[in-house]
PDB file of N, CA and C in Angstrom:
ATOM      1  N   MET A   1       0.850  -1.233  -0.016  1.00  0.00           N
ATOM      2  CA  MET A   1       0.081  -0.033   0.011  1.00  0.00           C
ATOM      3  C   MET A   1       0.900   1.213   0.106  1.00  0.00           C
ATOM      4  N   ALA A   2       0.663   2.174  -0.758  1.00  0.00           N
ATOM      5  CA  ALA A   2       1.412   3.375  -0.889  1.00  0.00           C
ATOM      6  C   ALA A   2       1.122   4.339   0.277  1.00  0.00           C
ATOM      7  N   GLU A   3       2.058   5.113   0.796  1.00  0.00           N
ATOM      8  CA  GLU A   3       2.064   6.043   1.788  1.00  0.00           C
ATOM      9  C   GLU A   3       1.501   7.311   1.324  1.00  0.00           C
ATOM     10  N   HIS A   4       0.538   7.813   2.183  1.00  0.00           N
ATOM     11  CA  HIS A   4       0.028   9.034   1.895  1.00  0.00           C
ATOM     12  C   HIS A   4       0.482  10.209   2.730  1.00  0.00           C
ATOM     13  N   GLU A   5       0.903  11.375   2.008  1.00  0.00           N
ATOM     14  CA  GLU A   5       1.504  12.432   2.853  1.00  0.00           C
ATOM     15  C   GLU A   5       0.147  13.410   2.886  1.00  0.00           C
ATOM     16  N   HIS A   6      -0.146  13.800   3.944  1.00  0.00           N
ATOM     17  CA  HIS A   6      -1.201  14.745   4.378  1.00  0.00           C
ATOM     18  C   HIS A   6      -0.986  16.094   3.419  1.00  0.00           C
ATOM     19  N   GLY A   7      -1.904  16.516   2.740  1.00  0.00           N
ATOM     20  CA  GLY A   7      -1.784  17.794   1.942  1.00  0.00           C
ATOM     21  C   GLY A   7      -1.215  17.730   0.596  1.00  0.00           C
ATOM     22  N   THR A   8      -1.112  16.630   0.071  1.00  0.00           N
ATOM     23  CA  THR A   8      -0.470  16.282  -1.308  1.00  0.00           C
ATOM     24  C   THR A   8      -1.449  16.130  -2.323  1.00  0.00           C
ATOM     25  N   MET A   9      -2.800  15.770  -1.958  1.00  0.00           N
ATOM     26  CA  MET A   9      -3.656  15.432  -2.903  1.00  0.00           C
ATOM     27  C   MET A   9      -4.257  16.618  -3.696  1.00  0.00           C
ATOM     28  N   ASP A  10      -4.339  16.642  -5.244  1.00  0.00           N
ATOM     29  CA  ASP A  10      -4.928  17.824  -5.869  1.00  0.00           C
ATOM     30  C   ASP A  10      -6.545  17.790  -5.517  1.00  0.00           C
ATOM     31  N   ILE A  11      -6.924  18.889  -5.024  1.00  0.00           N
ATOM     32  CA  ILE A  11      -8.348  18.961  -4.684  1.00  0.00           C
ATOM     33  C   ILE A  11      -9.104  19.944  -5.381  1.00  0.00           C
ATOM     34  N   LYS A  12      -8.618  20.461  -6.520  1.00  0.00           N
ATOM     35  CA  LYS A  12      -9.317  21.696  -7.294  1.00  0.00           C
ATOM     36  C   LYS A  12     -10.566  21.134  -7.766  1.00  0.00           C
ATOM     37  N   THR A  13     -10.610  19.954  -8.179  1.00  0.00           N
ATOM     38  CA  THR A  13     -12.084  19.612  -8.718  1.00  0.00           C
ATOM     39  C   THR A  13     -13.115  19.667  -7.497  1.00  0.00           C
ATOM     40  N   GLN A  14     -12.629  19.033  -6.404  1.00  0.00           N
ATOM     41  CA  GLN A  14     -13.786  18.999  -5.260  1.00  0.00           C
ATOM     42  C   GLN A  14     -13.769  20.433  -4.810  1.00  0.00           C
ATOM     43  N   GLU A  15     -12.995  21.326  -4.739  1.00  0.00           N
ATOM     44  CA  GLU A  15     -13.255  22.898  -4.445  1.00  0.00           C
ATOM     45  C   GLU A  15     -14.014  23.471  -5.245  1.00  0.00           C
ATOM     46  N   LYS A  16     -14.021  23.266  -6.605  1.00  0.00           N
ATOM     47  CA  LYS A  16     -14.760  23.730  -7.713  1.00  0.00           C
ATOM     48  C   LYS A  16     -16.397  23.297  -7.567  1.00  0.00           C
ATOM     49  N   THR A  17     -16.408  21.950  -7.116  1.00  0.00           N
ATOM     50  CA  THR A  17     -17.761  21.400  -7.076  1.00  0.00           C
ATOM     51  C   THR A  17     -18.413  21.946  -5.786  1.00  0.00           C
ATOM     52  N   PHE A  18     -17.662  22.045  -4.654  1.00  0.00           N
ATOM     53  CA  PHE A  18     -18.264  22.568  -3.448  1.00  0.00           C
ATOM     54  C   PHE A  18     -18.448  24.006  -3.590  1.00  0.00           C
ATOM     55  N   ALA A  19     -17.701  24.953  -4.276  1.00  0.00           N
ATOM     56  CA  ALA A  19     -18.118  26.265  -4.587  1.00  0.00           C
ATOM     57  C   ALA A  19     -19.525  26.312  -5.335  1.00  0.00           C
ATOM     58  N   GLY A  20     -19.538  25.496  -6.380  1.00  0.00           N
ATOM     59  CA  GLY A  20     -20.845  25.341  -7.098  1.00  0.00           C
ATOM     60  C   GLY A  20     -22.080  25.056  -6.352  1.00  0.00           C
ATOM     61  N   PHE A  21     -21.961  24.201  -5.495  1.00  0.00           N
ATOM     62  CA  PHE A  21     -22.882  23.689  -4.440  1.00  0.00           C
ATOM     63  C   PHE A  21     -23.394  24.707  -3.820  1.00  0.00           C
ATOM     64  N   MET A  22     -22.381  25.379  -3.008  1.00  0.00           N
ATOM     65  CA  MET A  22     -22.809  26.553  -2.057  1.00  0.00           C
ATOM     66  C   MET A  22     -23.411  27.602  -2.766  1.00  0.00           C
ATOM     67  N   SER A  23     -22.959  28.024  -4.121  1.00  0.00           N
ATOM     68  CA  SER A  23     -23.741  29.022  -4.745  1.00  0.00           C
ATOM     69  C   SER A  23     -24.977  28.700  -5.144  1.00  0.00           C
ATOM     70  N   PHE A  24     -25.312  27.362  -5.535  1.00  0.00           N
ATOM     71  CA  PHE A  24     -26.690  26.928  -5.693  1.00  0.00           C
ATOM     72  C   PHE A  24     -27.535  27.037  -4.426  1.00  0.00           C
ATOM     73  N   VAL A  25     -26.961  26.576  -3.220  1.00  0.00           N
ATOM     74  CA  VAL A  25     -27.825  26.644  -2.080  1.00  0.00           C
ATOM     75  C   VAL A  25     -28.137  28.181  -1.763  1.00  0.00           C
ATOM     76  N   THR A  26     -27.085  29.078  -1.840  1.00  0.00           N
ATOM     77  CA  THR A  26     -27.237  30.380  -1.497  1.00  0.00           C
ATOM     78  C   THR A  26     -28.490  31.075  -2.251  1.00  0.00           C
ATOM     79  N   LYS A  27     -28.347  30.831  -3.486  1.00  0.00           N
ATOM     80  CA  LYS A  27     -29.447  31.400  -4.531  1.00  0.00           C
ATOM     81  C   LYS A  27     -30.789  30.735  -4.284  1.00  0.00           C
ATOM     82  N   THR A  28     -30.697  29.538  -4.200  1.00  0.00           N
ATOM     83  CA  THR A  28     -31.998  28.885  -3.796  1.00  0.00           C
ATOM     84  C   THR A  28     -32.646  29.420  -2.475  1.00  0.00           C
ATOM     85  N   THR A  29     -31.879  29.581  -1.477  1.00  0.00           N
ATOM     86  CA  THR A  29     -32.375  30.144  -0.221  1.00  0.00           C
ATOM     87  C   THR A  29     -32.905  31.428  -0.460  1.00  0.00           C
ATOM     88  N   ILE A  30     -32.126  32.337  -1.187  1.00  0.00           N
ATOM     89  CA  ILE A  30     -32.645  33.696  -1.338  1.00  0.00           C
ATOM     90  C   ILE A  30     -34.003  33.637  -2.096  1.00  0.00           C
ATOM     91  N   ILE A  31     -34.186  32.871  -3.098  1.00  0.00           N
ATOM     92  CA  ILE A  31     -35.410  32.830  -3.902  1.00  0.00           C
ATOM     93  C   ILE A  31     -36.520  32.264  -3.017  1.00  0.00           C
ATOM     94  N   ILE A  32     -36.362  31.337  -2.229  1.00  0.00           N
ATOM     95  CA  ILE A  32     -37.271  30.829  -1.418  1.00  0.00           C
ATOM     96  C   ILE A  32     -37.745  32.022  -0.389  1.00  0.00           C
ATOM     97  N   LEU A  33     -36.875  32.720   0.129  1.00  0.00           N
ATOM     98  CA  LEU A  33     -37.234  33.754   1.074  1.00  0.00           C
ATOM     99  C   LEU A  33     -37.974  34.919   0.319  1.00  0.00           C
ATOM    100  N   VAL A  34     -37.486  35.226  -0.877  1.00  0.00           N
ATOM    101  CA  VAL A  34     -38.299  36.229  -1.627  1.00  0.00           C
ATOM    102  C   VAL A  34     -39.848  35.774  -1.904  1.00  0.00           C
ATOM    103  N   LEU A  35     -39.886  34.490  -2.108  1.00  0.00           N
ATOM    104  CA  LEU A  35     -41.297  33.964  -2.589  1.00  0.00           C
ATOM    105  C   LEU A  35     -42.020  34.109  -1.216  1.00  0.00           C
ATOM    106  N   LEU A  36     -41.460  33.542  -0.124  1.00  0.00           N
ATOM    107  CA  LEU A  36     -42.203  33.623   1.010  1.00  0.00           C
ATOM    108  C   LEU A  36     -42.697  35.060   1.531  1.00  0.00           C
ATOM    109  N   VAL A  37     -41.916  36.004   1.192  1.00  0.00           N
ATOM    110  CA  VAL A  37     -42.125  37.442   1.546  1.00  0.00           C
ATOM    111  C   VAL A  37     -43.216  37.763   0.480  1.00  0.00           C
ATOM    112  N   LEU A  38     -43.173  37.590  -0.545  1.00  0.00           N
ATOM    113  CA  LEU A  38     -44.140  37.970  -1.712  1.00  0.00           C
ATOM    114  C   LEU A  38     -45.514  37.414  -1.388  1.00  0.00           C
ATOM    115  N   MET A  39     -45.377  36.140  -0.941  1.00  0.00           N
ATOM    116  CA  MET A  39     -46.791  35.456  -0.411  1.00  0.00           C
ATOM    117  C   MET A  39     -47.236  35.929   0.673  1.00  0.00           C
ATOM    118  N   ALA A  40     -46.416  36.488   1.747  1.00  0.00           N
ATOM    119  CA  ALA A  40     -47.072  37.006   2.789  1.00  0.00           C
ATOM    120  C   ALA A  40     -47.714  38.539   2.535  1.00  0.00           C
ATOM    121  N   ILE A  41     -47.115  39.251   1.543  1.00  0.00           N
ATOM    122  CA  ILE A  41     -47.698  40.345   1.116  1.00  0.00           C
ATOM    123  C   ILE A  41     -48.851  40.287   0.255  1.00  0.00           C
ATOM    124  N   PHE A  42     -48.837  39.520  -0.716  1.00  0.00           N
ATOM    125  CA  PHE A  42     -49.909  39.431  -1.736  1.00  0.00           C
ATOM    126  C   PHE A  42     -51.083  38.452  -1.503  1.00  0.00           C
ATOM    127  N   ILE A  43     -50.740  37.314  -0.661  1.00  0.00           N
ATOM    128  CA  ILE A  43     -51.702  36.506  -0.570  1.00  0.00           C
ATOM    129  C   ILE A  43     -52.471  36.467   0.926  1.00  0.00           C
ATOM    130  N   ARG A  44     -53.583  36.956   0.838  1.00  0.00           N
ATOM    131  CA  ARG A  44     -54.335  37.073   2.266  1.00  0.00           C
ATOM    132  C   ARG A  44     -55.616  36.574   2.185  1.00  0.00           C
TER     133      ARG A  44
END
């Protein structure tokens, strides 16, 4: 079995995927909050 040195793995792809996921979650959360506010204002 090969020895692994901590911090030597290339994680650029994982970082890009995580950044995309966080962007998606942030945008989705904002959209949901805006929809809830609009529903509270206009639906009575």
